[in-house]
Amino acid sequence: MLLYAVGSFVTGRTLKFPPLVWGAVGSWLLALLSTFTSFDLNMLLCGAAIIVSYIIPGYLLRNKYRKQL
C-alpha cells in the first residue's frame, strides 16, 4: 500500500492534480491502519487503498479531460 501511495503522490504532484495527492494520503493512512489489523482485514484495506488512490482519481481525471474537449 505504501507503494501505491508513493506512485500516486508523485504522479499527483507532477500532474498538479489534488485528488491524486489526496488518494495517496488516504492510502498512507490505510497502510498505517493495516499494521494493527489481521491479514483478512488487510486484504480489504488493500482493495480500499487501490480504490482511493487509483480508481476514484482516475475517473475524476477522465471527467476533467472530457470537459476540456
C-alpha atoms as a PDB file:
ATOM      1  CA  MET A   1       0.000   0.000   0.000  1.00  0.00           C
ATOM      2  CA  LEU A   2       2.902   2.308   0.597  1.00  0.00           C
ATOM      3  CA  LEU A   3       3.992   1.737  -2.989  1.00  0.00           C
ATOM      4  CA  TYR A   4       0.510   2.737  -4.197  1.00  0.00           C
ATOM      5  CA  ALA A   5       0.790   5.874  -2.118  1.00  0.00           C
ATOM      6  CA  VAL A   6       4.233   6.863  -3.377  1.00  0.00           C
ATOM      7  CA  GLY A   7       3.271   6.348  -7.011  1.00  0.00           C
ATOM      8  CA  SER A   8       0.023   8.274  -6.624  1.00  0.00           C
ATOM      9  CA  PHE A   9       1.682  11.086  -4.739  1.00  0.00           C
ATOM     10  CA  VAL A  10       4.454  11.580  -7.289  1.00  0.00           C
ATOM     11  CA  THR A  11       2.018  11.416 -10.200  1.00  0.00           C
ATOM     12  CA  GLY A  12      -0.410  13.789  -8.496  1.00  0.00           C
ATOM     13  CA  ARG A  13       2.313  16.344  -7.820  1.00  0.00           C
ATOM     14  CA  THR A  14       3.662  16.015 -11.372  1.00  0.00           C
ATOM     15  CA  LEU A  15       0.226  16.490 -12.957  1.00  0.00           C
ATOM     16  CA  LYS A  16      -0.786  19.075 -10.321  1.00  0.00           C
ATOM     17  CA  PHE A  17      -3.955  17.082  -9.682  1.00  0.00           C
ATOM     18  CA  PRO A  18      -5.016  17.304  -5.991  1.00  0.00           C
ATOM     19  CA  PRO A  19      -7.408  14.286  -5.921  1.00  0.00           C
ATOM     20  CA  LEU A  20      -4.474  12.019  -6.760  1.00  0.00           C
ATOM     21  CA  VAL A  21      -2.434  13.510  -3.922  1.00  0.00           C
ATOM     22  CA  TRP A  22      -5.364  13.096  -1.510  1.00  0.00           C
ATOM     23  CA  GLY A  23      -5.717   9.499  -2.681  1.00  0.00           C
ATOM     24  CA  ALA A  24      -2.070   8.951  -1.808  1.00  0.00           C
ATOM     25  CA  VAL A  25      -2.616  10.384   1.662  1.00  0.00           C
ATOM     26  CA  GLY A  26      -5.616   8.080   2.116  1.00  0.00           C
ATOM     27  CA  SER A  27      -3.523   5.124   1.017  1.00  0.00           C
ATOM     28  CA  TRP A  28      -0.806   6.048   3.516  1.00  0.00           C
ATOM     29  CA  LEU A  29      -3.404   6.159   6.288  1.00  0.00           C
ATOM     30  CA  LEU A  30      -4.774   2.772   5.264  1.00  0.00           C
ATOM     31  CA  ALA A  31      -1.242   1.358   5.241  1.00  0.00           C
ATOM     32  CA  LEU A  32      -0.711   2.678   8.747  1.00  0.00           C
ATOM     33  CA  LEU A  33      -4.013   1.185   9.866  1.00  0.00           C
ATOM     34  CA  SER A  34      -3.139  -2.177   8.318  1.00  0.00           C
ATOM     35  CA  THR A  35      -0.203  -2.621  10.673  1.00  0.00           C
ATOM     36  CA  PHE A  36      -2.673  -3.015  13.540  1.00  0.00           C
ATOM     37  CA  THR A  37      -5.161  -5.371  11.879  1.00  0.00           C
ATOM     38  CA  SER A  38      -5.327  -9.042  10.914  1.00  0.00           C
ATOM     39  CA  PHE A  39      -4.441 -10.417   7.489  1.00  0.00           C
ATOM     40  CA  ASP A  40      -8.075 -10.835   6.434  1.00  0.00           C
ATOM     41  CA  LEU A  41      -8.814  -7.195   7.094  1.00  0.00           C
ATOM     42  CA  ASN A  42      -5.536  -6.187   5.439  1.00  0.00           C
ATOM     43  CA  MET A  43      -6.786  -7.600   2.143  1.00  0.00           C
ATOM     44  CA  LEU A  44      -9.897  -5.418   2.371  1.00  0.00           C
ATOM     45  CA  LEU A  45      -7.778  -2.395   3.252  1.00  0.00           C
ATOM     46  CA  CYS A  46      -5.562  -3.118   0.248  1.00  0.00           C
ATOM     47  CA  GLY A  47      -8.611  -3.085  -2.004  1.00  0.00           C
ATOM     48  CA  ALA A  48      -9.771   0.166  -0.421  1.00  0.00           C
ATOM     49  CA  ALA A  49      -6.320   1.671  -0.993  1.00  0.00           C
ATOM     50  CA  ILE A  50      -6.488   0.806  -4.687  1.00  0.00           C
ATOM     51  CA  ILE A  51      -9.934   2.365  -4.975  1.00  0.00           C
ATOM     52  CA  VAL A  52      -8.889   5.522  -3.113  1.00  0.00           C
ATOM     53  CA  SER A  53      -5.520   6.005  -4.781  1.00  0.00           C
ATOM     54  CA  TYR A  54      -6.189   4.873  -8.375  1.00  0.00           C
ATOM     55  CA  ILE A  55      -9.811   4.355  -9.353  1.00  0.00           C
ATOM     56  CA  ILE A  56     -11.525   7.455  -7.932  1.00  0.00           C
ATOM     57  CA  PRO A  57      -8.801   9.913  -9.057  1.00  0.00           C
ATOM     58  CA  GLY A  58      -8.715   8.159 -12.442  1.00  0.00           C
ATOM     59  CA  TYR A  59     -12.408   8.768 -13.018  1.00  0.00           C
ATOM     60  CA  LEU A  60     -12.049  12.383 -11.892  1.00  0.00           C
ATOM     61  CA  LEU A  61      -9.117  12.887 -14.249  1.00  0.00           C
ATOM     62  CA  ARG A  62     -11.078  11.353 -17.132  1.00  0.00           C
ATOM     63  CA  ASN A  63     -14.021  13.684 -16.437  1.00  0.00           C
ATOM     64  CA  LYS A  64     -11.668  16.668 -16.335  1.00  0.00           C
ATOM     65  CA  TYR A  65     -10.186  15.608 -19.675  1.00  0.00           C
ATOM     66  CA  ARG A  66     -13.626  15.198 -21.278  1.00  0.00           C
ATOM     67  CA  LYS A  67     -14.689  18.652 -20.101  1.00  0.00           C
ATOM     68  CA  GLN A  68     -11.596  20.176 -21.688  1.00  0.00           C
ATOM     69  CA  LEU A  69     -12.535  18.682 -25.066  1.00  0.00           C
END
